[in-house]
Amino acid sequence: METNKTQQVILGIFTFLPFILFPIILFEVFQFVMHVVVESKHGDPEPEDILLGISSFVIPIILVSLLSLALLIFYIIHAATNKKLESLEQLMWILLFVFFGIIAFPIYWIIRIWNTPKIS
């Protein structure tokens, strides 16, 4: 599966996006917990506030999960159809994707997609 530089850059952005969004999601969770703690000192927080606060981090978690699933499918297909890899290395990459998920994606992207020389 040959890709041009534009496709490689876009794939790289999507590959590294979960690592960028993860601290933001953690910050949202922390901010929500702190808000609930402060509001609980003045009485019970309103259910609408709680649902709004939960949605501030649940929706990004769902989106990152769907992105990670799409990347998993893409990278497994890419490794399985990559003719530049021997069958043992294909198996190794697929197992790394399955067991280590988004941690293995950037490594594969750097080694096998971004740094792959073009054969004319």
PDB file of N, CA and C in Angstrom:
ATOM      1  N   MET A   1       0.850  -1.170   0.000  1.00  0.00           N
ATOM      2  CA  MET A   1       0.000   0.000   0.000  1.00  0.00           C
ATOM      3  C   MET A   1       0.897   1.236   0.000  1.00  0.00           C
ATOM      4  N   GLU A   2       0.973   1.893  -1.135  1.00  0.00           N
ATOM      5  CA  GLU A   2       1.808   3.078  -1.272  1.00  0.00           C
ATOM      6  C   GLU A   2       1.019   4.322  -0.853  1.00  0.00           C
ATOM      7  N   THR A   3       1.701   5.211  -0.160  1.00  0.00           N
ATOM      8  CA  THR A   3       1.080   6.460   0.259  1.00  0.00           C
ATOM      9  C   THR A   3       1.992   7.619  -0.127  1.00  0.00           C
ATOM     10  N   ASN A   4       1.391   8.742  -0.478  1.00  0.00           N
ATOM     11  CA  ASN A   4       2.204   9.918  -0.759  1.00  0.00           C
ATOM     12  C   ASN A   4       2.429  10.686   0.550  1.00  0.00           C
ATOM     13  N   LYS A   5       3.231  11.741   0.477  1.00  0.00           N
ATOM     14  CA  LYS A   5       3.596  12.484   1.694  1.00  0.00           C
ATOM     15  C   LYS A   5       2.377  13.111   2.381  1.00  0.00           C
ATOM     16  N   THR A   6       1.419  13.596   1.608  1.00  0.00           N
ATOM     17  CA  THR A   6       0.224  14.200   2.203  1.00  0.00           C
ATOM     18  C   THR A   6      -0.553  13.166   3.001  1.00  0.00           C
ATOM     19  N   GLN A   7      -0.741  11.987   2.429  1.00  0.00           N
ATOM     20  CA  GLN A   7      -1.435  10.917   3.134  1.00  0.00           C
ATOM     21  C   GLN A   7      -0.661  10.488   4.376  1.00  0.00           C
ATOM     22  N   GLN A   8       0.668  10.451   4.276  1.00  0.00           N
ATOM     23  CA  GLN A   8       1.489  10.078   5.427  1.00  0.00           C
ATOM     24  C   GLN A   8       1.365  11.096   6.549  1.00  0.00           C
ATOM     25  N   VAL A   9       1.343  12.376   6.200  1.00  0.00           N
ATOM     26  CA  VAL A   9       1.209  13.428   7.218  1.00  0.00           C
ATOM     27  C   VAL A   9      -0.161  13.342   7.887  1.00  0.00           C
ATOM     28  N   ILE A  10      -1.225  13.170   7.097  1.00  0.00           N
ATOM     29  CA  ILE A  10      -2.574  13.066   7.667  1.00  0.00           C
ATOM     30  C   ILE A  10      -2.674  11.844   8.567  1.00  0.00           C
ATOM     31  N   LEU A  11      -2.130  10.717   8.119  1.00  0.00           N
ATOM     32  CA  LEU A  11      -2.125   9.508   8.949  1.00  0.00           C
ATOM     33  C   LEU A  11      -1.321   9.734  10.224  1.00  0.00           C
ATOM     34  N   GLY A  12      -0.202  10.439  10.125  1.00  0.00           N
ATOM     35  CA  GLY A  12       0.593  10.749  11.309  1.00  0.00           C
ATOM     36  C   GLY A  12      -0.154  11.611  12.303  1.00  0.00           C
ATOM     37  N   ILE A  13      -0.920  12.575  11.804  1.00  0.00           N
ATOM     38  CA  ILE A  13      -1.724  13.435  12.690  1.00  0.00           C
ATOM     39  C   ILE A  13      -2.745  12.588  13.442  1.00  0.00           C
ATOM     40  N   PHE A  14      -3.462  11.720  12.703  1.00  0.00           N
ATOM     41  CA  PHE A  14      -4.448  10.860  13.354  1.00  0.00           C
ATOM     42  C   PHE A  14      -3.784   9.860  14.302  1.00  0.00           C
ATOM     43  N   THR A  15      -2.567   9.430  13.980  1.00  0.00           N
ATOM     44  CA  THR A  15      -1.852   8.469  14.829  1.00  0.00           C
ATOM     45  C   THR A  15      -1.447   9.097  16.155  1.00  0.00           C
ATOM     46  N   PHE A  16      -1.004  10.350  16.115  1.00  0.00           N
ATOM     47  CA  PHE A  16      -0.544  11.010  17.340  1.00  0.00           C
ATOM     48  C   PHE A  16      -1.664  11.752  18.073  1.00  0.00           C
ATOM     49  N   LEU A  17      -2.827  11.891  17.447  1.00  0.00           N
ATOM     50  CA  LEU A  17      -3.942  12.619  18.053  1.00  0.00           C
ATOM     51  C   LEU A  17      -4.383  12.060  19.412  1.00  0.00           C
ATOM     52  N   PRO A  18      -4.478  10.725  19.605  1.00  0.00           N
ATOM     53  CA  PRO A  18      -4.855  10.238  20.938  1.00  0.00           C
ATOM     54  C   PRO A  18      -3.876  10.656  22.038  1.00  0.00           C
ATOM     55  N   PHE A  19      -2.594  10.770  21.699  1.00  0.00           N
ATOM     56  CA  PHE A  19      -1.613  11.189  22.703  1.00  0.00           C
ATOM     57  C   PHE A  19      -1.766  12.662  23.056  1.00  0.00           C
ATOM     58  N   ILE A  20      -2.277  13.453  22.134  1.00  0.00           N
ATOM     59  CA  ILE A  20      -2.524  14.866  22.389  1.00  0.00           C
ATOM     60  C   ILE A  20      -3.819  15.044  23.174  1.00  0.00           C
ATOM     61  N   LEU A  21      -4.831  14.255  22.824  1.00  0.00           N
ATOM     62  CA  LEU A  21      -6.139  14.397  23.474  1.00  0.00           C
ATOM     63  C   LEU A  21      -6.192  13.778  24.871  1.00  0.00           C
ATOM     64  N   PHE A  22      -5.362  12.784  25.143  1.00  0.00           N
ATOM     65  CA  PHE A  22      -5.400  12.110  26.440  1.00  0.00           C
ATOM     66  C   PHE A  22      -5.189  13.070  27.612  1.00  0.00           C
ATOM     67  N   PRO A  23      -4.163  13.942  27.606  1.00  0.00           N
ATOM     68  CA  PRO A  23      -4.034  14.891  28.732  1.00  0.00           C
ATOM     69  C   PRO A  23      -5.195  15.872  28.819  1.00  0.00           C
ATOM     70  N   ILE A  24      -5.759  16.251  27.679  1.00  0.00           N
ATOM     71  CA  ILE A  24      -6.898  17.164  27.687  1.00  0.00           C
ATOM     72  C   ILE A  24      -8.102  16.502  28.342  1.00  0.00           C
ATOM     73  N   ILE A  25      -8.326  15.229  28.012  1.00  0.00           N
ATOM     74  CA  ILE A  25      -9.436  14.489  28.620  1.00  0.00           C
ATOM     75  C   ILE A  25      -9.215  14.330  30.123  1.00  0.00           C
ATOM     76  N   LEU A  26      -7.990  14.021  30.528  1.00  0.00           N
ATOM     77  CA  LEU A  26      -7.697  13.909  31.961  1.00  0.00           C
ATOM     78  C   LEU A  26      -7.948  15.239  32.674  1.00  0.00           C
ATOM     79  N   PHE A  27      -7.589  16.335  32.030  1.00  0.00           N
ATOM     80  CA  PHE A  27      -7.837  17.648  32.609  1.00  0.00           C
ATOM     81  C   PHE A  27      -9.334  17.894  32.768  1.00  0.00           C
ATOM     82  N   GLU A  28     -10.123  17.511  31.768  1.00  0.00           N
ATOM     83  CA  GLU A  28     -11.574  17.670  31.847  1.00  0.00           C
ATOM     84  C   GLU A  28     -12.163  16.851  32.996  1.00  0.00           C
ATOM     85  N   VAL A  29     -11.677  15.625  33.172  1.00  0.00           N
ATOM     86  CA  VAL A  29     -12.154  14.776  34.271  1.00  0.00           C
ATOM     87  C   VAL A  29     -11.805  15.429  35.605  1.00  0.00           C
ATOM     88  N   PHE A  30     -10.559  15.884  35.746  1.00  0.00           N
ATOM     89  CA  PHE A  30     -10.123  16.527  36.987  1.00  0.00           C
ATOM     90  C   PHE A  30     -10.937  17.789  37.252  1.00  0.00           C
ATOM     91  N   GLN A  31     -11.156  18.581  36.216  1.00  0.00           N
ATOM     92  CA  GLN A  31     -11.929  19.807  36.369  1.00  0.00           C
ATOM     93  C   GLN A  31     -13.368  19.490  36.787  1.00  0.00           C
ATOM     94  N   PHE A  32     -13.960  18.450  36.212  1.00  0.00           N
ATOM     95  CA  PHE A  32     -15.318  18.055  36.579  1.00  0.00           C
ATOM     96  C   PHE A  32     -15.387  17.612  38.034  1.00  0.00           C
ATOM     97  N   VAL A  33     -14.429  16.802  38.459  1.00  0.00           N
ATOM     98  CA  VAL A  33     -14.424  16.327  39.848  1.00  0.00           C
ATOM     99  C   VAL A  33     -14.273  17.495  40.807  1.00  0.00           C
ATOM    100  N   MET A  34     -13.384  18.415  40.494  1.00  0.00           N
ATOM    101  CA  MET A  34     -13.195  19.570  41.369  1.00  0.00           C
ATOM    102  C   MET A  34     -14.454  20.431  41.406  1.00  0.00           C
ATOM    103  N   HIS A  35     -15.125  20.580  40.274  1.00  0.00           N
ATOM    104  CA  HIS A  35     -16.368  21.354  40.229  1.00  0.00           C
ATOM    105  C   HIS A  35     -17.440  20.700  41.093  1.00  0.00           C
ATOM    106  N   VAL A  36     -17.569  19.393  41.023  1.00  0.00           N
ATOM    107  CA  VAL A  36     -18.569  18.680  41.824  1.00  0.00           C
ATOM    108  C   VAL A  36     -18.242  18.801  43.309  1.00  0.00           C
ATOM    109  N   VAL A  37     -16.962  18.729  43.658  1.00  0.00           N
ATOM    110  CA  VAL A  37     -16.573  18.863  45.062  1.00  0.00           C
ATOM    111  C   VAL A  37     -16.924  20.251  45.574  1.00  0.00           C
ATOM    112  N   VAL A  38     -16.637  21.277  44.801  1.00  0.00           N
ATOM    113  CA  VAL A  38     -16.945  22.653  45.226  1.00  0.00           C
ATOM    114  C   VAL A  38     -18.456  22.851  45.327  1.00  0.00           C
ATOM    115  N   GLU A  39     -19.205  22.348  44.346  1.00  0.00           N
ATOM    116  CA  GLU A  39     -20.660  22.500  44.364  1.00  0.00           C
ATOM    117  C   GLU A  39     -21.301  21.711  45.501  1.00  0.00           C
ATOM    118  N   SER A  40     -20.705  20.580  45.881  1.00  0.00           N
ATOM    119  CA  SER A  40     -21.304  19.771  46.941  1.00  0.00           C
ATOM    120  C   SER A  40     -21.161  20.440  48.311  1.00  0.00           C
ATOM    121  N   LYS A  41     -20.243  21.382  48.439  1.00  0.00           N
ATOM    122  CA  LYS A  41     -20.121  22.123  49.697  1.00  0.00           C
ATOM    123  C   LYS A  41     -21.292  23.080  49.886  1.00  0.00           C
ATOM    124  N   HIS A  42     -21.895  23.506  48.776  1.00  0.00           N
ATOM    125  CA  HIS A  42     -23.026  24.442  48.828  1.00  0.00           C
ATOM    126  C   HIS A  42     -24.363  23.720  48.679  1.00  0.00           C
ATOM    127  N   GLY A  43     -24.350  22.427  48.739  1.00  0.00           N
ATOM    128  CA  GLY A  43     -25.574  21.647  48.526  1.00  0.00           C
ATOM    129  C   GLY A  43     -25.356  20.683  47.362  1.00  0.00           C
ATOM    130  N   ASP A  44     -26.354  19.906  47.107  1.00  0.00           N
ATOM    131  CA  ASP A  44     -26.245  18.940  46.021  1.00  0.00           C
ATOM    132  C   ASP A  44     -26.171  19.650  44.672  1.00  0.00           C
ATOM    133  N   PRO A  45     -25.246  19.203  43.814  1.00  0.00           N
ATOM    134  CA  PRO A  45     -25.186  19.803  42.476  1.00  0.00           C
ATOM    135  C   PRO A  45     -26.409  19.396  41.642  1.00  0.00           C
ATOM    136  N   GLU A  46     -26.769  20.237  40.723  1.00  0.00           N
ATOM    137  CA  GLU A  46     -27.916  19.975  39.852  1.00  0.00           C
ATOM    138  C   GLU A  46     -27.589  18.822  38.893  1.00  0.00           C
ATOM    139  N   PRO A  47     -28.578  17.962  38.623  1.00  0.00           N
ATOM    140  CA  PRO A  47     -28.341  16.856  37.683  1.00  0.00           C
ATOM    141  C   PRO A  47     -27.928  17.336  36.292  1.00  0.00           C
ATOM    142  N   GLU A  48     -28.453  18.482  35.844  1.00  0.00           N
ATOM    143  CA  GLU A  48     -28.080  19.004  34.538  1.00  0.00           C
ATOM    144  C   GLU A  48     -26.599  19.359  34.496  1.00  0.00           C
ATOM    145  N   ASP A  49     -26.097  19.930  35.598  1.00  0.00           N
ATOM    146  CA  ASP A  49     -24.679  20.275  35.669  1.00  0.00           C
ATOM    147  C   ASP A  49     -23.808  19.022  35.629  1.00  0.00           C
ATOM    148  N   ILE A  50     -24.270  17.988  36.319  1.00  0.00           N
ATOM    149  CA  ILE A  50     -23.505  16.737  36.334  1.00  0.00           C
ATOM    150  C   ILE A  50     -23.471  16.111  34.942  1.00  0.00           C
ATOM    151  N   LEU A  51     -24.613  16.060  34.266  1.00  0.00           N
ATOM    152  CA  LEU A  51     -24.648  15.484  32.921  1.00  0.00           C
ATOM    153  C   LEU A  51     -23.824  16.299  31.933  1.00  0.00           C
ATOM    154  N   LEU A  52     -23.874  17.619  32.040  1.00  0.00           N
ATOM    155  CA  LEU A  52     -23.070  18.471  31.175  1.00  0.00           C
ATOM    156  C   LEU A  52     -21.579  18.256  31.437  1.00  0.00           C
ATOM    157  N   GLY A  53     -21.214  18.141  32.700  1.00  0.00           N
ATOM    158  CA  GLY A  53     -19.816  17.901  33.056  1.00  0.00           C
ATOM    159  C   GLY A  53     -19.318  16.543  32.577  1.00  0.00           C
ATOM    160  N   ILE A  54     -20.161  15.525  32.725  1.00  0.00           N
ATOM    161  CA  ILE A  54     -19.771  14.190  32.269  1.00  0.00           C
ATOM    162  C   ILE A  54     -19.632  14.169  30.746  1.00  0.00           C
ATOM    163  N   SER A  55     -20.525  14.839  30.059  1.00  0.00           N
ATOM    164  CA  SER A  55     -20.446  14.847  28.585  1.00  0.00           C
ATOM    165  C   SER A  55     -19.197  15.565  28.095  1.00  0.00           C
ATOM    166  N   SER A  56     -18.623  16.459  28.927  1.00  0.00           N
ATOM    167  CA  SER A  56     -17.417  17.169  28.500  1.00  0.00           C
ATOM    168  C   SER A  56     -16.216  16.244  28.349  1.00  0.00           C
ATOM    169  N   PHE A  57     -16.255  15.072  28.981  1.00  0.00           N
ATOM    170  CA  PHE A  57     -15.150  14.137  28.773  1.00  0.00           C
ATOM    171  C   PHE A  57     -15.591  12.790  28.209  1.00  0.00           C
ATOM    172  N   VAL A  58     -16.864  12.445  28.310  1.00  0.00           N
ATOM    173  CA  VAL A  58     -17.318  11.165  27.761  1.00  0.00           C
ATOM    174  C   VAL A  58     -17.348  11.208  26.233  1.00  0.00           C
ATOM    175  N   ILE A  59     -17.817  12.307  25.669  1.00  0.00           N
ATOM    176  CA  ILE A  59     -17.870  12.416  24.204  1.00  0.00           C
ATOM    177  C   ILE A  59     -16.471  12.363  23.594  1.00  0.00           C
ATOM    178  N   PRO A  60     -15.469  13.098  24.114  1.00  0.00           N
ATOM    179  CA  PRO A  60     -14.116  12.941  23.562  1.00  0.00           C
ATOM    180  C   PRO A  60     -13.552  11.528  23.757  1.00  0.00           C
ATOM    181  N   ILE A  61     -13.890  10.872  24.859  1.00  0.00           N
ATOM    182  CA  ILE A  61     -13.413   9.497  25.064  1.00  0.00           C
ATOM    183  C   ILE A  61     -13.998   8.573  24.000  1.00  0.00           C
ATOM    184  N   ILE A  62     -15.275   8.730  23.692  1.00  0.00           N
ATOM    185  CA  ILE A  62     -15.905   7.908  22.654  1.00  0.00           C
ATOM    186  C   ILE A  62     -15.259   8.185  21.299  1.00  0.00           C
ATOM    187  N   LEU A  63     -15.005   9.451  20.981  1.00  0.00           N
ATOM    188  CA  LEU A  63     -14.381   9.793  19.705  1.00  0.00           C
ATOM    189  C   LEU A  63     -12.964   9.241  19.595  1.00  0.00           C
ATOM    190  N   VAL A  64     -12.194   9.334  20.669  1.00  0.00           N
ATOM    191  CA  VAL A  64     -10.835   8.783  20.656  1.00  0.00           C
ATOM    192  C   VAL A  64     -10.882   7.259  20.548  1.00  0.00           C
ATOM    193  N   SER A  65     -11.852   6.634  21.185  1.00  0.00           N
ATOM    194  CA  SER A  65     -11.996   5.181  21.080  1.00  0.00           C
ATOM    195  C   SER A  65     -12.319   4.755  19.651  1.00  0.00           C
ATOM    196  N   LEU A  66     -13.221   5.469  18.995  1.00  0.00           N
ATOM    197  CA  LEU A  66     -13.546   5.159  17.603  1.00  0.00           C
ATOM    198  C   LEU A  66     -12.344   5.405  16.690  1.00  0.00           C
ATOM    199  N   LEU A  67     -11.600   6.477  16.937  1.00  0.00           N
ATOM    200  CA  LEU A  67     -10.386   6.747  16.174  1.00  0.00           C
ATOM    201  C   LEU A  67      -9.372   5.630  16.367  1.00  0.00           C
ATOM    202  N   SER A  68      -9.201   5.174  17.604  1.00  0.00           N
ATOM    203  CA  SER A  68      -8.250   4.097  17.883  1.00  0.00           C
ATOM    204  C   SER A  68      -8.665   2.794  17.206  1.00  0.00           C
ATOM    205  N   LEU A  69      -9.949   2.517  17.177  1.00  0.00           N
ATOM    206  CA  LEU A  69     -10.433   1.322  16.488  1.00  0.00           C
ATOM    207  C   LEU A  69     -10.182   1.422  14.986  1.00  0.00           C
ATOM    208  N   ALA A  70     -10.450   2.588  14.404  1.00  0.00           N
ATOM    209  CA  ALA A  70     -10.188   2.781  12.972  1.00  0.00           C
ATOM    210  C   ALA A  70      -8.696   2.646  12.663  1.00  0.00           C
ATOM    211  N   LEU A  71      -7.849   3.204  13.530  1.00  0.00           N
ATOM    212  CA  LEU A  71      -6.407   3.075  13.331  1.00  0.00           C
ATOM    213  C   LEU A  71      -5.954   1.630  13.464  1.00  0.00           C
ATOM    214  N   LEU A  72      -6.535   0.901  14.411  1.00  0.00           N
ATOM    215  CA  LEU A  72      -6.192  -0.514  14.577  1.00  0.00           C
ATOM    216  C   LEU A  72      -6.500  -1.285  13.300  1.00  0.00           C
ATOM    217  N   ILE A  73      -7.683  -1.079  12.764  1.00  0.00           N
ATOM    218  CA  ILE A  73      -8.061  -1.771  11.533  1.00  0.00           C
ATOM    219  C   ILE A  73      -7.129  -1.373  10.387  1.00  0.00           C
ATOM    220  N   PHE A  74      -6.847  -0.070  10.242  1.00  0.00           N
ATOM    221  CA  PHE A  74      -5.974   0.387   9.166  1.00  0.00           C
ATOM    222  C   PHE A  74      -4.578  -0.219   9.288  1.00  0.00           C
ATOM    223  N   TYR A  75      -3.989  -0.148  10.485  1.00  0.00           N
ATOM    224  CA  TYR A  75      -2.620  -0.622  10.643  1.00  0.00           C
ATOM    225  C   TYR A  75      -2.506  -2.137  10.487  1.00  0.00           C
ATOM    226  N   ILE A  76      -3.500  -2.891  10.922  1.00  0.00           N
ATOM    227  CA  ILE A  76      -3.462  -4.343  10.713  1.00  0.00           C
ATOM    228  C   ILE A  76      -3.520  -4.644   9.220  1.00  0.00           C
ATOM    229  N   ILE A  77      -4.412  -3.978   8.499  1.00  0.00           N
ATOM    230  CA  ILE A  77      -4.496  -4.198   7.053  1.00  0.00           C
ATOM    231  C   ILE A  77      -3.204  -3.759   6.372  1.00  0.00           C
ATOM    232  N   HIS A  78      -2.655  -2.625   6.787  1.00  0.00           N
ATOM    233  CA  HIS A  78      -1.419  -2.130   6.169  1.00  0.00           C
ATOM    234  C   HIS A  78      -0.264  -3.098   6.407  1.00  0.00           C
ATOM    235  N   ALA A  79      -0.133  -3.591   7.622  1.00  0.00           N
ATOM    236  CA  ALA A  79       0.965  -4.526   7.917  1.00  0.00           C
ATOM    237  C   ALA A  79       0.768  -5.851   7.184  1.00  0.00           C
ATOM    238  N   ALA A  80      -0.469  -6.315   7.091  1.00  0.00           N
ATOM    239  CA  ALA A  80      -0.731  -7.597   6.435  1.00  0.00           C
ATOM    240  C   ALA A  80      -0.518  -7.522   4.929  1.00  0.00           C
ATOM    241  N   THR A  81      -0.733  -6.350   4.329  1.00  0.00           N
ATOM    242  CA  THR A  81      -0.584  -6.222   2.882  1.00  0.00           C
ATOM    243  C   THR A  81       0.728  -5.568   2.466  1.00  0.00           C
ATOM    244  N   ASN A  82       1.584  -5.225   3.425  1.00  0.00           N
ATOM    245  CA  ASN A  82       2.855  -4.573   3.118  1.00  0.00           C
ATOM    246  C   ASN A  82       3.821  -5.611   2.557  1.00  0.00           C
ATOM    247  N   LYS A  83       4.130  -5.498   1.278  1.00  0.00           N
ATOM    248  CA  LYS A  83       4.997  -6.466   0.612  1.00  0.00           C
ATOM    249  C   LYS A  83       6.466  -6.305   0.997  1.00  0.00           C
ATOM    250  N   LYS A  84       6.800  -5.190   1.648  1.00  0.00           N
ATOM    251  CA  LYS A  84       8.183  -4.953   2.069  1.00  0.00           C
ATOM    252  C   LYS A  84       8.525  -5.682   3.368  1.00  0.00           C
ATOM    253  N   LEU A  85       7.514  -6.243   4.026  1.00  0.00           N
ATOM    254  CA  LEU A  85       7.723  -6.962   5.284  1.00  0.00           C
ATOM    255  C   LEU A  85       7.725  -8.464   5.040  1.00  0.00           C
ATOM    256  N   GLU A  86       8.590  -9.159   5.757  1.00  0.00           N
ATOM    257  CA  GLU A  86       8.552 -10.616   5.722  1.00  0.00           C
ATOM    258  C   GLU A  86       7.357 -11.075   6.557  1.00  0.00           C
ATOM    259  N   SER A  87       6.949 -12.314   6.357  1.00  0.00           N
ATOM    260  CA  SER A  87       5.740 -12.797   7.029  1.00  0.00           C
ATOM    261  C   SER A  87       5.890 -12.800   8.547  1.00  0.00           C
ATOM    262  N   LEU A  88       7.073 -13.096   9.054  1.00  0.00           N
ATOM    263  CA  LEU A  88       7.281 -13.084  10.496  1.00  0.00           C
ATOM    264  C   LEU A  88       7.168 -11.668  11.055  1.00  0.00           C
ATOM    265  N   GLU A  89       7.718 -10.701  10.329  1.00  0.00           N
ATOM    266  CA  GLU A  89       7.608  -9.309  10.785  1.00  0.00           C
ATOM    267  C   GLU A  89       6.164  -8.819  10.692  1.00  0.00           C
ATOM    268  N   GLN A  90       5.428  -9.246   9.667  1.00  0.00           N
ATOM    269  CA  GLN A  90       4.009  -8.892   9.579  1.00  0.00           C
ATOM    270  C   GLN A  90       3.260  -9.407  10.804  1.00  0.00           C
ATOM    271  N   LEU A  91       3.511 -10.652  11.163  1.00  0.00           N
ATOM    272  CA  LEU A  91       2.867 -11.240  12.340  1.00  0.00           C
ATOM    273  C   LEU A  91       3.250 -10.487  13.604  1.00  0.00           C
ATOM    274  N   MET A  92       4.525 -10.130  13.723  1.00  0.00           N
ATOM    275  CA  MET A  92       4.986  -9.394  14.902  1.00  0.00           C
ATOM    276  C   MET A  92       4.256  -8.058  15.031  1.00  0.00           C
ATOM    277  N   TRP A  93       4.151  -7.313  13.915  1.00  0.00           N
ATOM    278  CA  TRP A  93       3.473  -6.017  13.957  1.00  0.00           C
ATOM    279  C   TRP A  93       2.000  -6.172  14.295  1.00  0.00           C
ATOM    280  N   ILE A  94       1.356  -7.158  13.706  1.00  0.00           N
ATOM    281  CA  ILE A  94      -0.074  -7.363  13.984  1.00  0.00           C
ATOM    282  C   ILE A  94      -0.288  -7.690  15.454  1.00  0.00           C
ATOM    283  N   LEU A  95       0.569  -8.536  16.024  1.00  0.00           N
ATOM    284  CA  LEU A  95       0.454  -8.849  17.450  1.00  0.00           C
ATOM    285  C   LEU A  95       0.729  -7.617  18.313  1.00  0.00           C
ATOM    286  N   LEU A  96       1.694  -6.805  17.911  1.00  0.00           N
ATOM    287  CA  LEU A  96       1.952  -5.562  18.649  1.00  0.00           C
ATOM    288  C   LEU A  96       0.748  -4.633  18.598  1.00  0.00           C
ATOM    289  N   PHE A  97       0.100  -4.549  17.436  1.00  0.00           N
ATOM    290  CA  PHE A  97      -1.091  -3.703  17.319  1.00  0.00           C
ATOM    291  C   PHE A  97      -2.210  -4.206  18.212  1.00  0.00           C
ATOM    292  N   VAL A  98      -2.395  -5.516  18.228  1.00  0.00           N
ATOM    293  CA  VAL A  98      -3.495  -6.087  19.012  1.00  0.00           C
ATOM    294  C   VAL A  98      -3.248  -5.917  20.506  1.00  0.00           C
ATOM    295  N   PHE A  99      -2.016  -6.175  20.955  1.00  0.00           N
ATOM    296  CA  PHE A  99      -1.750  -6.173  22.393  1.00  0.00           C
ATOM    297  C   PHE A  99      -1.349  -4.806  22.942  1.00  0.00           C
ATOM    298  N   PHE A 100      -0.754  -3.942  22.127  1.00  0.00           N
ATOM    299  CA  PHE A 100      -0.293  -2.651  22.632  1.00  0.00           C
ATOM    300  C   PHE A 100      -1.010  -1.464  22.004  1.00  0.00           C
ATOM    301  N   GLY A 101      -1.850  -1.709  21.005  1.00  0.00           N
ATOM    302  CA  GLY A 101      -2.715  -0.689  20.433  1.00  0.00           C
ATOM    303  C   GLY A 101      -2.025   0.590  20.050  1.00  0.00           C
ATOM    304  N   ILE A 102      -2.522   1.699  20.601  1.00  0.00           N
ATOM    305  CA  ILE A 102      -2.060   3.010  20.160  1.00  0.00           C
ATOM    306  C   ILE A 102      -0.592   3.273  20.482  1.00  0.00           C
ATOM    307  N   ILE A 103       0.011   2.482  21.344  1.00  0.00           N
ATOM    308  CA  ILE A 103       1.442   2.655  21.624  1.00  0.00           C
ATOM    309  C   ILE A 103       2.275   2.173  20.444  1.00  0.00           C
ATOM    310  N   ALA A 104       1.829   1.124  19.761  1.00  0.00           N
ATOM    311  CA  ALA A 104       2.574   0.573  18.628  1.00  0.00           C
ATOM    312  C   ALA A 104       2.339   1.353  17.341  1.00  0.00           C
ATOM    313  N   PHE A 105       1.223   2.065  17.236  1.00  0.00           N
ATOM    314  CA  PHE A 105       0.912   2.776  15.999  1.00  0.00           C
ATOM    315  C   PHE A 105       1.973   3.811  15.613  1.00  0.00           C
ATOM    316  N   PRO A 106       2.395   4.702  16.526  1.00  0.00           N
ATOM    317  CA  PRO A 106       3.408   5.689  16.124  1.00  0.00           C
ATOM    318  C   PRO A 106       4.750   5.051  15.749  1.00  0.00           C
ATOM    319  N   ILE A 107       5.083   3.967  16.417  1.00  0.00           N
ATOM    320  CA  ILE A 107       6.353   3.296  16.113  1.00  0.00           C
ATOM    321  C   ILE A 107       6.313   2.751  14.690  1.00  0.00           C
ATOM    322  N   TYR A 108       5.221   2.080  14.343  1.00  0.00           N
ATOM    323  CA  TYR A 108       5.069   1.545  12.987  1.00  0.00           C
ATOM    324  C   TYR A 108       5.025   2.682  11.974  1.00  0.00           C
ATOM    325  N   TRP A 109       4.308   3.755  12.297  1.00  0.00           N
ATOM    326  CA  TRP A 109       4.195   4.883  11.374  1.00  0.00           C
ATOM    327  C   TRP A 109       5.572   5.470  11.074  1.00  0.00           C
ATOM    328  N   ILE A 110       6.379   5.649  12.120  1.00  0.00           N
ATOM    329  CA  ILE A 110       7.710   6.231  11.920  1.00  0.00           C
ATOM    330  C   ILE A 110       8.608   5.275  11.134  1.00  0.00           C
ATOM    331  N   ILE A 111       8.626   3.999  11.516  1.00  0.00           N
ATOM    332  CA  ILE A 111       9.546   3.040  10.903  1.00  0.00           C
ATOM    333  C   ILE A 111       9.100   2.621   9.503  1.00  0.00           C
ATOM    334  N   ARG A 112       7.825   2.285   9.347  1.00  0.00           N
ATOM    335  CA  ARG A 112       7.370   1.639   8.118  1.00  0.00           C
ATOM    336  C   ARG A 112       6.584   2.515   7.161  1.00  0.00           C
ATOM    337  N   ILE A 113       6.131   3.678   7.601  1.00  0.00           N
ATOM    338  CA  ILE A 113       5.365   4.535   6.690  1.00  0.00           C
ATOM    339  C   ILE A 113       6.135   5.822   6.384  1.00  0.00           C
ATOM    340  N   TRP A 114       6.576   6.540   7.403  1.00  0.00           N
ATOM    341  CA  TRP A 114       7.227   7.821   7.187  1.00  0.00           C
ATOM    342  C   TRP A 114       8.637   7.657   6.621  1.00  0.00           C
ATOM    343  N   ASN A 115       9.408   6.710   7.142  1.00  0.00           N
ATOM    344  CA  ASN A 115      10.808   6.546   6.729  1.00  0.00           C
ATOM    345  C   ASN A 115      11.015   5.526   5.619  1.00  0.00           C
ATOM    346  N   THR A 116       9.964   5.062   4.997  1.00  0.00           N
ATOM    347  CA  THR A 116      10.104   4.088   3.931  1.00  0.00           C
ATOM    348  C   THR A 116      10.533   4.807   2.653  1.00  0.00           C
ATOM    349  N   PRO A 117      11.683   4.414   2.093  1.00  0.00           N
ATOM    350  CA  PRO A 117      12.093   5.059   0.836  1.00  0.00           C
ATOM    351  C   PRO A 117      11.187   4.634  -0.310  1.00  0.00           C
ATOM    352  N   LYS A 118      10.946   5.561  -1.217  1.00  0.00           N
ATOM    353  CA  LYS A 118      10.115   5.275  -2.389  1.00  0.00           C
ATOM    354  C   LYS A 118      10.934   4.503  -3.411  1.00  0.00           C
ATOM    355  N   ILE A 119      10.358   3.423  -3.903  1.00  0.00           N
ATOM    356  CA  ILE A 119      11.014   2.625  -4.945  1.00  0.00           C
ATOM    357  C   ILE A 119      10.386   3.011  -6.276  1.00  0.00           C
ATOM    358  N   SER A 120      11.197   3.481  -7.187  1.00  0.00           N
ATOM    359  CA  SER A 120      10.679   3.916  -8.483  1.00  0.00           C
ATOM    360  C   SER A 120      10.536   2.771  -9.445  1.00  0.00           C
TER     361      SER A 120
END
